[in-house]
N, C-alpha and C. Protein backbone atom coordinates (compact mmCIF):
# COMPACT_ATOMS: atom_id res chain seq x y z
N UNK A 1 6.95 51.78 -25.82
CA UNK A 1 7.20 50.40 -26.18
C UNK A 1 7.47 50.27 -27.67
N UNK A 2 6.75 51.06 -28.47
CA UNK A 2 6.95 51.01 -29.91
C UNK A 2 8.38 51.40 -30.26
N UNK A 3 8.94 52.40 -29.55
CA UNK A 3 10.32 52.82 -29.81
C UNK A 3 11.30 51.69 -29.55
N UNK A 4 11.07 50.92 -28.50
CA UNK A 4 11.93 49.78 -28.19
C UNK A 4 11.88 48.76 -29.31
N UNK A 5 10.68 48.48 -29.81
CA UNK A 5 10.54 47.52 -30.90
C UNK A 5 11.22 48.03 -32.16
N UNK A 6 11.11 49.34 -32.42
CA UNK A 6 11.76 49.91 -33.61
C UNK A 6 13.28 49.84 -33.48
N UNK A 7 13.81 50.11 -32.28
CA UNK A 7 15.25 49.99 -32.08
C UNK A 7 15.69 48.55 -32.27
N UNK A 8 14.90 47.63 -31.74
CA UNK A 8 15.20 46.21 -31.92
C UNK A 8 15.17 45.85 -33.40
N UNK A 9 14.19 46.38 -34.10
CA UNK A 9 14.06 46.13 -35.54
C UNK A 9 15.31 46.61 -36.27
N UNK A 10 15.78 47.80 -35.93
CA UNK A 10 16.96 48.34 -36.60
C UNK A 10 18.21 47.52 -36.29
N UNK A 11 18.36 47.09 -35.05
CA UNK A 11 19.56 46.33 -34.69
C UNK A 11 19.53 44.91 -35.24
N UNK A 12 18.33 44.33 -35.37
CA UNK A 12 18.22 42.97 -35.89
C UNK A 12 18.15 42.91 -37.41
N UNK A 13 18.01 44.06 -38.06
CA UNK A 13 17.84 44.09 -39.51
C UNK A 13 19.01 43.41 -40.24
N UNK A 14 20.20 43.56 -39.72
CA UNK A 14 21.37 42.96 -40.36
C UNK A 14 21.50 41.48 -40.00
N UNK A 15 21.00 41.10 -38.84
CA UNK A 15 21.19 39.73 -38.35
C UNK A 15 20.25 38.73 -39.02
N UNK A 16 19.01 39.09 -39.26
CA UNK A 16 18.03 38.12 -39.75
C UNK A 16 17.01 38.81 -40.66
N UNK A 17 16.56 38.09 -41.68
CA UNK A 17 15.51 38.67 -42.54
C UNK A 17 14.13 38.60 -41.89
N UNK A 18 14.04 37.89 -40.75
CA UNK A 18 12.77 37.71 -40.07
C UNK A 18 12.57 38.73 -38.96
N UNK A 19 11.31 39.10 -38.76
CA UNK A 19 10.94 40.01 -37.68
C UNK A 19 10.08 39.26 -36.68
N UNK A 20 10.24 39.59 -35.41
CA UNK A 20 9.39 39.01 -34.38
C UNK A 20 8.01 39.68 -34.45
N UNK A 21 7.08 39.17 -33.67
CA UNK A 21 5.73 39.75 -33.67
C UNK A 21 5.76 41.21 -33.24
N UNK A 22 6.56 41.54 -32.24
CA UNK A 22 6.65 42.93 -31.77
C UNK A 22 7.28 43.83 -32.83
N UNK A 23 8.34 43.33 -33.46
CA UNK A 23 9.01 44.11 -34.51
C UNK A 23 8.09 44.32 -35.70
N UNK A 24 7.40 43.25 -36.10
CA UNK A 24 6.48 43.34 -37.24
C UNK A 24 5.33 44.28 -36.94
N UNK A 25 4.79 44.22 -35.74
CA UNK A 25 3.70 45.11 -35.36
C UNK A 25 4.16 46.57 -35.39
N UNK A 26 5.34 46.82 -34.87
CA UNK A 26 5.88 48.19 -34.90
C UNK A 26 6.12 48.64 -36.33
N UNK A 27 6.63 47.75 -37.15
CA UNK A 27 6.91 48.07 -38.56
C UNK A 27 5.63 48.42 -39.31
N UNK A 28 4.56 47.66 -39.06
CA UNK A 28 3.27 47.90 -39.73
C UNK A 28 2.41 48.94 -39.03
N UNK A 29 2.86 49.35 -37.83
CA UNK A 29 2.09 50.28 -37.00
C UNK A 29 0.72 49.70 -36.63
N UNK A 30 0.76 48.43 -36.24
CA UNK A 30 -0.41 47.72 -35.75
C UNK A 30 -0.13 47.29 -34.32
N UNK A 31 -1.19 46.98 -33.60
CA UNK A 31 -0.97 46.42 -32.27
C UNK A 31 -0.56 44.96 -32.42
N UNK A 32 0.12 44.45 -31.41
CA UNK A 32 0.54 43.06 -31.43
C UNK A 32 -0.68 42.15 -31.50
N UNK A 33 -1.74 42.49 -30.76
CA UNK A 33 -2.94 41.65 -30.76
C UNK A 33 -3.60 41.63 -32.15
N UNK A 34 -3.61 42.77 -32.85
CA UNK A 34 -4.18 42.81 -34.20
C UNK A 34 -3.37 41.92 -35.14
N UNK A 35 -2.06 41.96 -35.01
CA UNK A 35 -1.20 41.13 -35.86
C UNK A 35 -1.40 39.64 -35.54
N UNK A 36 -1.58 39.31 -34.27
CA UNK A 36 -1.89 37.92 -33.91
C UNK A 36 -3.19 37.48 -34.58
N UNK A 37 -4.20 38.33 -34.52
CA UNK A 37 -5.50 37.99 -35.12
C UNK A 37 -5.37 37.79 -36.63
N UNK A 38 -4.64 38.67 -37.29
CA UNK A 38 -4.42 38.52 -38.74
C UNK A 38 -3.69 37.22 -39.05
N UNK A 39 -2.75 36.86 -38.20
CA UNK A 39 -2.00 35.62 -38.39
C UNK A 39 -2.89 34.40 -38.18
N UNK A 40 -3.71 34.44 -37.14
CA UNK A 40 -4.62 33.32 -36.86
C UNK A 40 -5.60 33.11 -38.01
N UNK A 41 -6.07 34.20 -38.60
CA UNK A 41 -7.02 34.11 -39.71
C UNK A 41 -6.33 33.85 -41.04
N UNK A 42 -5.01 33.74 -40.99
CA UNK A 42 -4.18 33.51 -42.19
C UNK A 42 -4.35 34.63 -43.23
N UNK A 43 -4.50 35.85 -42.73
CA UNK A 43 -4.63 37.01 -43.60
C UNK A 43 -3.26 37.60 -43.94
N UNK A 44 -2.25 37.20 -43.17
CA UNK A 44 -0.91 37.72 -43.38
C UNK A 44 0.08 36.56 -43.27
N UNK A 45 1.05 36.53 -44.16
CA UNK A 45 2.01 35.43 -44.17
C UNK A 45 2.90 35.49 -42.94
N UNK A 46 3.15 34.33 -42.37
CA UNK A 46 4.02 34.22 -41.20
C UNK A 46 4.59 32.81 -41.14
N UNK A 47 5.55 32.64 -40.26
CA UNK A 47 6.15 31.33 -40.03
C UNK A 47 6.21 31.10 -38.53
N UNK A 48 6.17 29.84 -38.17
CA UNK A 48 6.31 29.48 -36.76
C UNK A 48 7.72 28.91 -36.55
N UNK A 49 8.37 29.40 -35.52
CA UNK A 49 9.66 28.85 -35.10
C UNK A 49 9.47 28.45 -33.65
N UNK A 50 9.11 27.18 -33.46
CA UNK A 50 8.70 26.76 -32.13
C UNK A 50 7.34 27.39 -31.85
N UNK A 51 7.27 28.19 -30.80
CA UNK A 51 6.03 28.89 -30.47
C UNK A 51 6.06 30.35 -30.94
N UNK A 52 7.16 30.75 -31.57
CA UNK A 52 7.30 32.15 -32.00
C UNK A 52 6.78 32.35 -33.41
N UNK A 53 6.08 33.46 -33.60
CA UNK A 53 5.66 33.89 -34.93
C UNK A 53 6.77 34.74 -35.53
N UNK A 54 7.11 34.46 -36.77
CA UNK A 54 8.12 35.25 -37.46
C UNK A 54 7.56 35.73 -38.79
N UNK A 55 8.00 36.91 -39.22
CA UNK A 55 7.50 37.53 -40.44
C UNK A 55 8.68 38.00 -41.28
N UNK A 56 8.59 37.80 -42.58
CA UNK A 56 9.58 38.35 -43.49
C UNK A 56 9.19 39.79 -43.83
N UNK A 57 10.14 40.68 -43.78
CA UNK A 57 9.87 42.09 -44.05
C UNK A 57 9.31 42.27 -45.46
N UNK A 58 9.84 41.55 -46.43
CA UNK A 58 9.36 41.67 -47.82
C UNK A 58 7.90 41.25 -47.94
N UNK A 59 7.50 40.23 -47.18
CA UNK A 59 6.10 39.79 -47.20
C UNK A 59 5.19 40.80 -46.50
N UNK A 60 5.72 41.44 -45.46
CA UNK A 60 4.95 42.49 -44.79
C UNK A 60 4.75 43.68 -45.74
N UNK A 61 5.79 44.00 -46.50
CA UNK A 61 5.68 45.09 -47.47
C UNK A 61 4.62 44.77 -48.53
N UNK A 62 4.63 43.53 -49.02
CA UNK A 62 3.65 43.12 -50.02
C UNK A 62 2.23 43.17 -49.46
N UNK A 63 2.06 42.68 -48.24
CA UNK A 63 0.75 42.69 -47.59
C UNK A 63 0.25 44.13 -47.41
N UNK A 64 1.14 45.00 -46.96
CA UNK A 64 0.78 46.39 -46.75
C UNK A 64 0.37 47.07 -48.06
N UNK A 65 1.10 46.79 -49.13
CA UNK A 65 0.76 47.37 -50.43
C UNK A 65 -0.60 46.87 -50.90
N UNK A 66 -0.89 45.60 -50.66
CA UNK A 66 -2.18 45.02 -51.05
C UNK A 66 -3.32 45.68 -50.27
N UNK A 67 -3.09 45.94 -48.99
CA UNK A 67 -4.11 46.60 -48.18
C UNK A 67 -4.40 48.00 -48.70
N UNK A 68 -3.35 48.69 -49.13
CA UNK A 68 -3.52 50.03 -49.69
C UNK A 68 -4.35 49.98 -50.97
N UNK A 69 -4.10 48.98 -51.82
CA UNK A 69 -4.87 48.82 -53.05
C UNK A 69 -6.34 48.57 -52.74
N UNK A 70 -6.61 47.72 -51.74
CA UNK A 70 -7.99 47.42 -51.37
C UNK A 70 -8.70 48.66 -50.84
N UNK A 71 -8.00 49.45 -50.04
CA UNK A 71 -8.59 50.68 -49.50
C UNK A 71 -8.89 51.64 -50.63
N UNK A 72 -7.94 51.78 -51.58
CA UNK A 72 -8.16 52.66 -52.73
C UNK A 72 -9.37 52.21 -53.55
N UNK A 73 -9.51 50.89 -53.72
CA UNK A 73 -10.64 50.36 -54.49
C UNK A 73 -11.96 50.66 -53.79
N UNK A 74 -11.99 50.54 -52.48
CA UNK A 74 -13.21 50.83 -51.72
C UNK A 74 -13.57 52.31 -51.86
N UNK A 75 -12.57 53.18 -51.75
CA UNK A 75 -12.84 54.62 -51.90
C UNK A 75 -13.34 54.93 -53.30
N UNK A 76 -12.76 54.30 -54.30
CA UNK A 76 -13.18 54.51 -55.68
C UNK A 76 -14.63 54.07 -55.86
N UNK A 77 -14.98 52.90 -55.31
CA UNK A 77 -16.34 52.39 -55.41
C UNK A 77 -17.32 53.34 -54.72
N UNK A 78 -16.94 53.85 -53.55
CA UNK A 78 -17.83 54.77 -52.83
C UNK A 78 -18.03 56.06 -53.62
N UNK A 79 -16.97 56.53 -54.26
CA UNK A 79 -17.09 57.73 -55.09
C UNK A 79 -18.02 57.48 -56.27
N UNK A 80 -17.89 56.31 -56.91
CA UNK A 80 -18.78 55.97 -58.02
C UNK A 80 -20.23 55.86 -57.55
N UNK A 81 -20.42 55.28 -56.38
CA UNK A 81 -21.76 55.13 -55.83
C UNK A 81 -22.38 56.50 -55.55
N UNK A 82 -21.59 57.42 -54.99
CA UNK A 82 -22.08 58.77 -54.74
C UNK A 82 -22.46 59.46 -56.04
N UNK A 83 -21.61 59.32 -57.07
CA UNK A 83 -21.89 59.93 -58.37
C UNK A 83 -23.18 59.37 -58.96
N UNK A 84 -23.36 58.05 -58.84
CA UNK A 84 -24.56 57.42 -59.39
C UNK A 84 -25.81 57.92 -58.66
N UNK A 85 -25.74 58.02 -57.35
CA UNK A 85 -26.89 58.51 -56.58
C UNK A 85 -27.19 59.96 -56.95
N UNK A 86 -26.16 60.76 -57.15
CA UNK A 86 -26.34 62.15 -57.52
C UNK A 86 -27.01 62.24 -58.89
N UNK A 87 -26.55 61.42 -59.83
CA UNK A 87 -27.14 61.42 -61.17
C UNK A 87 -28.61 61.00 -61.13
N UNK A 88 -28.93 60.00 -60.31
CA UNK A 88 -30.33 59.59 -60.16
C UNK A 88 -31.17 60.71 -59.55
N UNK A 89 -30.60 61.41 -58.59
CA UNK A 89 -31.30 62.52 -57.96
C UNK A 89 -31.59 63.61 -58.99
N UNK A 90 -30.59 63.96 -59.80
CA UNK A 90 -30.79 64.97 -60.83
C UNK A 90 -31.84 64.53 -61.84
N UNK A 91 -31.76 63.27 -62.26
CA UNK A 91 -32.72 62.75 -63.22
C UNK A 91 -34.13 62.81 -62.63
N UNK A 92 -34.27 62.45 -61.36
CA UNK A 92 -35.56 62.50 -60.69
C UNK A 92 -36.11 63.92 -60.63
N UNK A 93 -35.26 64.88 -60.37
CA UNK A 93 -35.69 66.29 -60.32
C UNK A 93 -36.14 66.75 -61.70
N UNK A 94 -35.40 66.33 -62.75
CA UNK A 94 -35.79 66.71 -64.10
C UNK A 94 -37.14 66.12 -64.47
N UNK A 95 -37.38 64.88 -64.07
CA UNK A 95 -38.66 64.23 -64.36
C UNK A 95 -39.80 64.97 -63.65
N UNK A 96 -39.57 65.33 -62.40
CA UNK A 96 -40.60 66.06 -61.64
C UNK A 96 -40.85 67.44 -62.25
N UNK A 97 -39.77 68.10 -62.67
CA UNK A 97 -39.90 69.42 -63.27
C UNK A 97 -40.70 69.33 -64.57
N UNK A 98 -40.39 68.34 -65.42
CA UNK A 98 -41.12 68.14 -66.68
C UNK A 98 -42.58 67.81 -66.40
N UNK A 99 -42.83 67.01 -65.40
CA UNK A 99 -44.20 66.63 -65.05
C UNK A 99 -44.99 67.87 -64.61
N UNK A 100 -44.35 68.71 -63.77
CA UNK A 100 -45.02 69.95 -63.33
C UNK A 100 -45.30 70.87 -64.50
N UNK A 101 -44.37 70.96 -65.45
CA UNK A 101 -44.57 71.82 -66.61
C UNK A 101 -45.74 71.30 -67.47
N UNK A 102 -45.82 69.99 -67.58
CA UNK A 102 -46.90 69.40 -68.38
C UNK A 102 -48.27 69.62 -67.71
N UNK A 103 -48.30 69.67 -66.39
CA UNK A 103 -49.55 69.91 -65.68
C UNK A 103 -50.03 71.36 -65.84
N UNK A 104 -49.08 72.29 -66.02
CA UNK A 104 -49.43 73.70 -66.17
C UNK A 104 -50.05 73.99 -67.53
N UNK A 105 -49.78 73.15 -68.52
CA UNK A 105 -50.32 73.37 -69.86
C UNK A 105 -51.79 72.97 -69.90
N UNK A 106 -52.64 73.79 -70.56
CA UNK A 106 -54.07 73.47 -70.65
C UNK A 106 -54.38 72.36 -71.61
């Protein structure tokens, strides 16, 4: 089914700047239901033409780029969090080591 939507996307690319829900889902590699949910929550720009949802390819590109930035930011934060936990662990070990050394002294 995705191949049909992609073929439709390619043939309609010259006719209209808008993509249907199926074309947009195939373009973003999302399920149609996921794209409907994003539209309902107003997380992704869309237009209504009667009862049809339509998407501009340029807006889908912008949305996709923004999602990539958010994912990168989350990964960066997780890396920083891991580094901080590691540093605390090392500091804790050093404190315990110093405490043990102080106990050995008469």
